[in-house]
Amino acid sequence: MYNTYHAKNLLLRWPLDHVFHTDHFKLVRIDRGPAWGSDHFPIFIELSLEAGAEAEQEEPDTTRTEEEQVNEKIEDGKQHPDE
């Protein structure tokens, strides 16, 4: 896990940004790039599309509350796609 925010202040950094992918892909590499003017660091990922990858990867444990929050955000995104 990389601290991706705040690129401009060393004391206020924490891992804010995330990359999500389906379990059809396997993570090959992840790196944090150098600060380039934004208050977020760039994240570079390399994924590999592999048959059977979903069988090799654990699905993260989630609570019912977390699943409900995710579903609400997905529905909200569908209703307000331009926001």
Protein backbone atom coordinates (compact mmCIF):
# COMPACT_ATOMS: atom_id res chain seq x y z
CA MET A 1 0.00 0.00 0.00
CA TYR A 2 1.33 3.40 -0.96
CA ASN A 3 0.69 6.81 0.54
CA THR A 4 -0.83 8.60 -2.45
CA TYR A 5 -2.02 11.80 -0.81
CA HIS A 6 -0.77 14.48 0.13
CA ALA A 7 2.13 14.73 -2.33
CA LYS A 8 2.93 18.28 -1.25
CA ASN A 9 3.07 17.69 2.51
CA LEU A 10 5.20 14.90 3.96
CA LEU A 11 3.40 14.96 7.33
CA LEU A 12 -0.12 14.60 5.91
CA ARG A 13 0.36 11.53 3.70
CA TRP A 14 -1.92 8.51 3.74
CA PRO A 15 -3.14 5.84 1.26
CA LEU A 16 -6.19 7.62 -0.13
CA ASP A 17 -6.30 6.49 -3.76
CA HIS A 18 -7.20 2.95 -4.80
CA VAL A 19 -7.25 0.85 -7.93
CA PHE A 20 -9.97 -1.77 -8.31
CA HIS A 21 -10.07 -4.58 -10.86
CA THR A 22 -12.13 -7.69 -11.41
CA ASP A 23 -10.74 -11.01 -10.33
CA HIS A 24 -10.21 -11.99 -13.99
CA PHE A 25 -6.95 -10.05 -13.75
CA LYS A 26 -3.87 -10.67 -11.65
CA LEU A 27 -1.77 -7.87 -10.31
CA VAL A 28 1.71 -8.01 -11.82
CA ARG A 29 3.15 -4.74 -10.49
CA ILE A 30 2.10 -1.59 -8.68
CA ASP A 31 4.22 1.51 -8.20
CA ARG A 32 3.78 5.04 -6.97
CA GLY A 33 5.18 7.65 -9.31
CA PRO A 34 6.94 10.86 -8.34
CA ALA A 35 5.09 14.05 -7.43
CA TRP A 36 4.31 16.00 -10.60
CA GLY A 37 2.33 19.04 -9.45
CA SER A 38 -0.88 17.49 -8.14
CA ASP A 39 -1.58 16.90 -4.45
CA HIS A 40 -1.94 13.17 -5.35
CA PHE A 41 0.88 10.90 -6.46
CA PRO A 42 0.28 8.94 -9.69
CA ILE A 43 -0.25 5.19 -9.36
CA PHE A 44 0.97 2.84 -12.07
CA ILE A 45 -0.39 -0.71 -12.26
CA GLU A 46 0.31 -3.62 -14.54
CA LEU A 47 -2.39 -6.27 -14.77
CA SER A 48 -2.42 -9.60 -16.53
CA LEU A 49 -5.64 -11.08 -17.92
CA GLU A 50 -5.41 -14.78 -17.11
CA ALA A 51 -7.85 -17.64 -17.44
CA GLY A 52 -8.58 -19.06 -14.01
CA ALA A 53 -7.15 -16.07 -12.14
CA GLU A 54 -10.33 -15.74 -10.09
CA ALA A 55 -9.73 -19.19 -8.56
CA GLU A 56 -6.26 -18.16 -7.35
CA GLN A 57 -7.22 -14.91 -5.63
CA GLU A 58 -8.96 -14.38 -2.32
CA GLU A 59 -11.95 -12.11 -2.25
CA PRO A 60 -11.59 -9.56 0.55
CA ASP A 61 -13.83 -9.96 3.56
CA THR A 62 -16.58 -7.36 3.70
CA THR A 63 -19.30 -6.67 6.18
CA ARG A 64 -22.95 -6.41 5.25
CA THR A 65 -22.77 -2.67 5.94
CA GLU A 66 -19.84 -2.26 3.55
CA GLU A 67 -21.67 -4.19 0.83
CA GLU A 68 -24.75 -2.00 1.29
CA GLN A 69 -22.62 1.16 1.05
CA VAL A 70 -21.00 -0.09 -2.16
CA ASN A 71 -24.37 -0.95 -3.70
CA GLU A 72 -25.76 2.48 -2.76
CA LYS A 73 -22.79 4.21 -4.42
CA ILE A 74 -23.20 2.11 -7.57
CA GLU A 75 -26.89 2.94 -7.79
CA ASP A 76 -26.21 6.63 -7.15
CA GLY A 77 -23.61 6.59 -9.93
CA LYS A 78 -26.13 5.05 -12.32
CA GLN A 79 -28.71 7.74 -11.47
CA HIS A 80 -26.21 10.63 -11.72
CA PRO A 81 -23.64 9.56 -14.34
CA ASP A 82 -22.40 13.09 -15.08
CA GLU A 83 -21.49 14.07 -11.53
